[in-house]
Amino acid sequence: MPVAAQNFKYNKFPLGEFFSPPETKVGRKGQVNQVEFTSTETPDSTEDHGLDDPIPNSDSMNAAAMPACPTPNCAPRKV
């Protein structure tokens, strides 16, 4: 999966804020409460990982011989 850069920043939210239910009751002419969430900008980076899976040549040849859309009602896949 391509990424824009190896180093990036994201907002980290305290988990406890999401487990405290806010007061949501409001009167007929009342004003609703506002909620605020705090976050900390956290730097991070990606790590390179990889796997290799050998595919037998016969499997590649069989796949090339198959139609791209084997049933009439399937949509072609975008790769």
N, C-alpha and C. Protein backbone atom coordinates (compact mmCIF):
# COMPACT_ATOMS: atom_id res chain seq x y z
N MET A 1 0.85 -1.16 0.00
CA MET A 1 0.00 0.00 0.00
C MET A 1 0.90 1.24 0.00
N PRO A 2 0.73 2.12 -0.94
CA PRO A 2 1.57 3.32 -0.98
C PRO A 2 1.18 4.31 0.11
N VAL A 3 2.16 4.98 0.67
CA VAL A 3 1.93 6.02 1.66
C VAL A 3 2.65 7.28 1.21
N ALA A 4 2.20 8.45 1.70
CA ALA A 4 2.78 9.71 1.28
C ALA A 4 4.21 9.88 1.77
N ALA A 5 4.49 9.45 2.99
CA ALA A 5 5.84 9.59 3.55
C ALA A 5 6.01 8.56 4.66
N GLN A 6 7.26 8.23 4.97
CA GLN A 6 7.51 7.26 6.05
C GLN A 6 7.22 7.87 7.41
N ASN A 7 7.48 9.15 7.58
CA ASN A 7 7.21 9.82 8.86
C ASN A 7 5.92 10.61 8.73
N PHE A 8 5.06 10.53 9.75
CA PHE A 8 3.78 11.21 9.73
C PHE A 8 3.37 11.55 11.15
N LYS A 9 2.32 12.35 11.28
CA LYS A 9 1.75 12.71 12.58
C LYS A 9 0.26 12.38 12.56
N TYR A 10 -0.27 12.02 13.72
CA TYR A 10 -1.70 11.77 13.84
C TYR A 10 -2.16 12.24 15.20
N ASN A 11 -3.47 12.43 15.36
CA ASN A 11 -4.03 12.85 16.64
C ASN A 11 -4.36 11.62 17.47
N LYS A 12 -3.84 11.59 18.69
CA LYS A 12 -4.09 10.48 19.61
C LYS A 12 -5.06 10.99 20.68
N PHE A 13 -6.18 10.30 20.83
CA PHE A 13 -7.22 10.70 21.77
C PHE A 13 -7.16 9.82 23.02
N PRO A 14 -7.34 10.40 24.22
CA PRO A 14 -7.37 9.58 25.43
C PRO A 14 -8.58 8.64 25.41
N LEU A 15 -8.34 7.38 25.66
CA LEU A 15 -9.39 6.37 25.58
C LEU A 15 -10.51 6.63 26.57
N GLY A 16 -10.18 7.13 27.76
CA GLY A 16 -11.19 7.36 28.80
C GLY A 16 -12.27 8.35 28.41
N GLU A 17 -11.95 9.30 27.52
CA GLU A 17 -12.96 10.28 27.11
C GLU A 17 -14.12 9.63 26.36
N PHE A 18 -13.87 8.53 25.72
CA PHE A 18 -14.91 7.87 24.93
C PHE A 18 -15.80 6.95 25.77
N PHE A 19 -15.42 6.71 27.01
CA PHE A 19 -16.22 5.85 27.89
C PHE A 19 -16.99 6.64 28.92
N SER A 20 -16.92 7.97 28.86
CA SER A 20 -17.69 8.82 29.76
C SER A 20 -18.87 9.38 28.98
N PRO A 21 -20.07 8.85 29.22
CA PRO A 21 -21.22 9.33 28.42
C PRO A 21 -21.56 10.77 28.79
N PRO A 22 -21.76 11.64 27.82
CA PRO A 22 -22.13 13.02 28.11
C PRO A 22 -23.60 13.13 28.49
N GLU A 23 -23.97 14.22 29.14
CA GLU A 23 -25.37 14.48 29.47
C GLU A 23 -26.07 14.91 28.19
N THR A 24 -27.10 14.17 27.80
CA THR A 24 -27.77 14.45 26.52
C THR A 24 -29.21 14.92 26.67
N LYS A 25 -29.72 14.95 27.90
CA LYS A 25 -31.10 15.41 28.09
C LYS A 25 -31.17 16.91 27.84
N VAL A 26 -32.27 17.31 27.22
CA VAL A 26 -32.49 18.72 26.94
C VAL A 26 -33.98 19.01 27.11
N GLY A 27 -34.28 20.18 27.62
CA GLY A 27 -35.67 20.59 27.79
C GLY A 27 -36.30 20.96 26.46
N ARG A 28 -37.60 21.23 26.53
CA ARG A 28 -38.34 21.54 25.31
C ARG A 28 -37.80 22.78 24.61
N LYS A 29 -37.36 23.76 25.36
CA LYS A 29 -36.79 24.97 24.78
C LYS A 29 -35.34 25.16 25.20
N GLY A 30 -34.74 24.12 25.70
CA GLY A 30 -33.38 24.20 26.20
C GLY A 30 -32.34 24.16 25.09
N GLN A 31 -31.11 24.37 25.48
CA GLN A 31 -30.00 24.33 24.54
C GLN A 31 -29.22 23.04 24.79
N VAL A 32 -28.82 22.38 23.73
CA VAL A 32 -28.09 21.11 23.87
C VAL A 32 -26.67 21.38 24.34
N ASN A 33 -26.10 20.41 25.05
CA ASN A 33 -24.73 20.51 25.52
C ASN A 33 -23.76 20.29 24.37
N GLN A 34 -22.59 20.88 24.48
CA GLN A 34 -21.53 20.64 23.51
C GLN A 34 -20.49 19.73 24.16
N VAL A 35 -19.89 18.91 23.34
CA VAL A 35 -18.82 18.04 23.84
C VAL A 35 -17.51 18.46 23.19
N GLU A 36 -16.43 18.27 23.91
CA GLU A 36 -15.10 18.54 23.38
C GLU A 36 -14.22 17.34 23.68
N PHE A 37 -13.34 17.06 22.76
CA PHE A 37 -12.40 15.98 22.94
C PHE A 37 -10.99 16.55 22.85
N THR A 38 -10.11 16.05 23.69
CA THR A 38 -8.73 16.49 23.65
C THR A 38 -7.92 15.47 22.86
N SER A 39 -6.84 15.94 22.28
CA SER A 39 -5.96 15.03 21.55
C SER A 39 -4.54 15.56 21.63
N THR A 40 -3.61 14.68 21.39
CA THR A 40 -2.20 15.02 21.35
C THR A 40 -1.68 14.63 19.98
N GLU A 41 -1.00 15.58 19.31
CA GLU A 41 -0.41 15.25 18.02
C GLU A 41 0.81 14.36 18.26
N THR A 42 0.78 13.18 17.68
CA THR A 42 1.80 12.17 17.93
C THR A 42 2.56 11.85 16.64
N PRO A 43 3.88 11.98 16.67
CA PRO A 43 4.66 11.60 15.49
C PRO A 43 4.85 10.08 15.44
N ASP A 44 4.90 9.53 14.25
CA ASP A 44 5.12 8.09 14.09
C ASP A 44 5.75 7.87 12.72
N SER A 45 6.08 6.64 12.43
CA SER A 45 6.66 6.32 11.13
C SER A 45 6.29 4.89 10.76
N THR A 46 6.39 4.62 9.47
CA THR A 46 6.09 3.27 8.99
C THR A 46 7.33 2.39 9.11
N GLU A 47 7.10 1.11 9.13
CA GLU A 47 8.19 0.13 9.12
C GLU A 47 8.01 -0.74 7.89
N ASP A 48 9.10 -1.07 7.24
CA ASP A 48 9.03 -1.90 6.05
C ASP A 48 8.89 -3.37 6.44
N HIS A 49 7.95 -4.04 5.81
CA HIS A 49 7.74 -5.48 5.97
C HIS A 49 7.49 -6.06 4.59
N GLY A 50 7.73 -7.33 4.43
CA GLY A 50 7.46 -7.95 3.14
C GLY A 50 7.43 -9.46 3.23
N LEU A 51 6.69 -10.06 2.34
CA LEU A 51 6.60 -11.52 2.22
C LEU A 51 6.68 -11.87 0.74
N ASP A 52 7.13 -13.05 0.46
CA ASP A 52 7.19 -13.52 -0.90
C ASP A 52 6.50 -14.87 -0.95
N ASP A 53 5.74 -15.09 -1.98
CA ASP A 53 5.02 -16.36 -2.14
C ASP A 53 5.24 -16.85 -3.56
N PRO A 54 6.02 -17.90 -3.74
CA PRO A 54 6.26 -18.39 -5.11
C PRO A 54 4.97 -18.98 -5.70
N ILE A 55 4.72 -18.64 -6.96
CA ILE A 55 3.55 -19.14 -7.67
C ILE A 55 4.05 -20.06 -8.78
N PRO A 56 3.58 -21.30 -8.79
CA PRO A 56 4.01 -22.21 -9.85
C PRO A 56 3.63 -21.68 -11.23
N ASN A 57 4.50 -21.92 -12.20
CA ASN A 57 4.26 -21.45 -13.57
C ASN A 57 2.95 -22.00 -14.12
N SER A 58 2.60 -23.23 -13.76
CA SER A 58 1.35 -23.81 -14.27
C SER A 58 0.14 -23.02 -13.76
N ASP A 59 0.19 -22.51 -12.53
CA ASP A 59 -0.91 -21.68 -12.02
C ASP A 59 -1.03 -20.39 -12.81
N SER A 60 0.11 -19.78 -13.14
CA SER A 60 0.09 -18.55 -13.93
C SER A 60 -0.48 -18.81 -15.32
N MET A 61 -0.09 -19.91 -15.93
CA MET A 61 -0.59 -20.23 -17.27
C MET A 61 -2.09 -20.51 -17.23
N ASN A 62 -2.56 -21.23 -16.20
CA ASN A 62 -4.00 -21.51 -16.08
C ASN A 62 -4.79 -20.22 -15.86
N ALA A 63 -4.26 -19.30 -15.06
CA ALA A 63 -4.96 -18.04 -14.81
C ALA A 63 -5.05 -17.21 -16.08
N ALA A 64 -4.01 -17.21 -16.88
CA ALA A 64 -4.01 -16.45 -18.13
C ALA A 64 -5.05 -16.99 -19.10
N ALA A 65 -5.34 -18.30 -19.04
CA ALA A 65 -6.30 -18.91 -19.95
C ALA A 65 -7.75 -18.70 -19.50
N MET A 66 -7.95 -18.28 -18.26
CA MET A 66 -9.31 -18.08 -17.73
C MET A 66 -9.87 -16.76 -18.23
N PRO A 67 -11.20 -16.70 -18.47
CA PRO A 67 -11.80 -15.42 -18.85
C PRO A 67 -11.75 -14.44 -17.67
N ALA A 68 -11.68 -13.15 -17.97
CA ALA A 68 -11.60 -12.14 -16.91
C ALA A 68 -12.87 -12.10 -16.08
N CYS A 69 -14.00 -12.38 -16.69
CA CYS A 69 -15.29 -12.34 -15.99
C CYS A 69 -16.02 -13.65 -16.31
N PRO A 70 -15.88 -14.69 -15.47
CA PRO A 70 -16.41 -16.01 -15.82
C PRO A 70 -17.93 -16.10 -15.84
N THR A 71 -18.65 -15.21 -15.16
CA THR A 71 -20.11 -15.27 -15.18
C THR A 71 -20.65 -14.00 -15.82
N PRO A 72 -21.84 -14.05 -16.43
CA PRO A 72 -22.35 -12.87 -17.13
C PRO A 72 -22.67 -11.69 -16.23
N ASN A 73 -22.95 -11.91 -14.93
CA ASN A 73 -23.35 -10.80 -14.07
C ASN A 73 -22.25 -10.33 -13.12
N CYS A 74 -21.01 -10.64 -13.40
CA CYS A 74 -19.94 -10.13 -12.53
C CYS A 74 -19.36 -8.87 -13.12
N ALA A 75 -18.88 -8.01 -12.24
CA ALA A 75 -18.28 -6.75 -12.70
C ALA A 75 -16.79 -6.95 -12.85
N PRO A 76 -16.19 -6.39 -13.87
CA PRO A 76 -14.73 -6.53 -14.01
C PRO A 76 -14.03 -5.86 -12.85
N ARG A 77 -12.97 -6.51 -12.36
CA ARG A 77 -12.20 -5.98 -11.23
C ARG A 77 -11.18 -4.98 -11.72
N LYS A 78 -11.02 -3.90 -10.95
CA LYS A 78 -9.97 -2.94 -11.24
C LYS A 78 -8.77 -3.29 -10.38
N VAL A 79 -7.64 -3.41 -11.00
CA VAL A 79 -6.43 -3.77 -10.25
C VAL A 79 -5.52 -2.58 -10.16
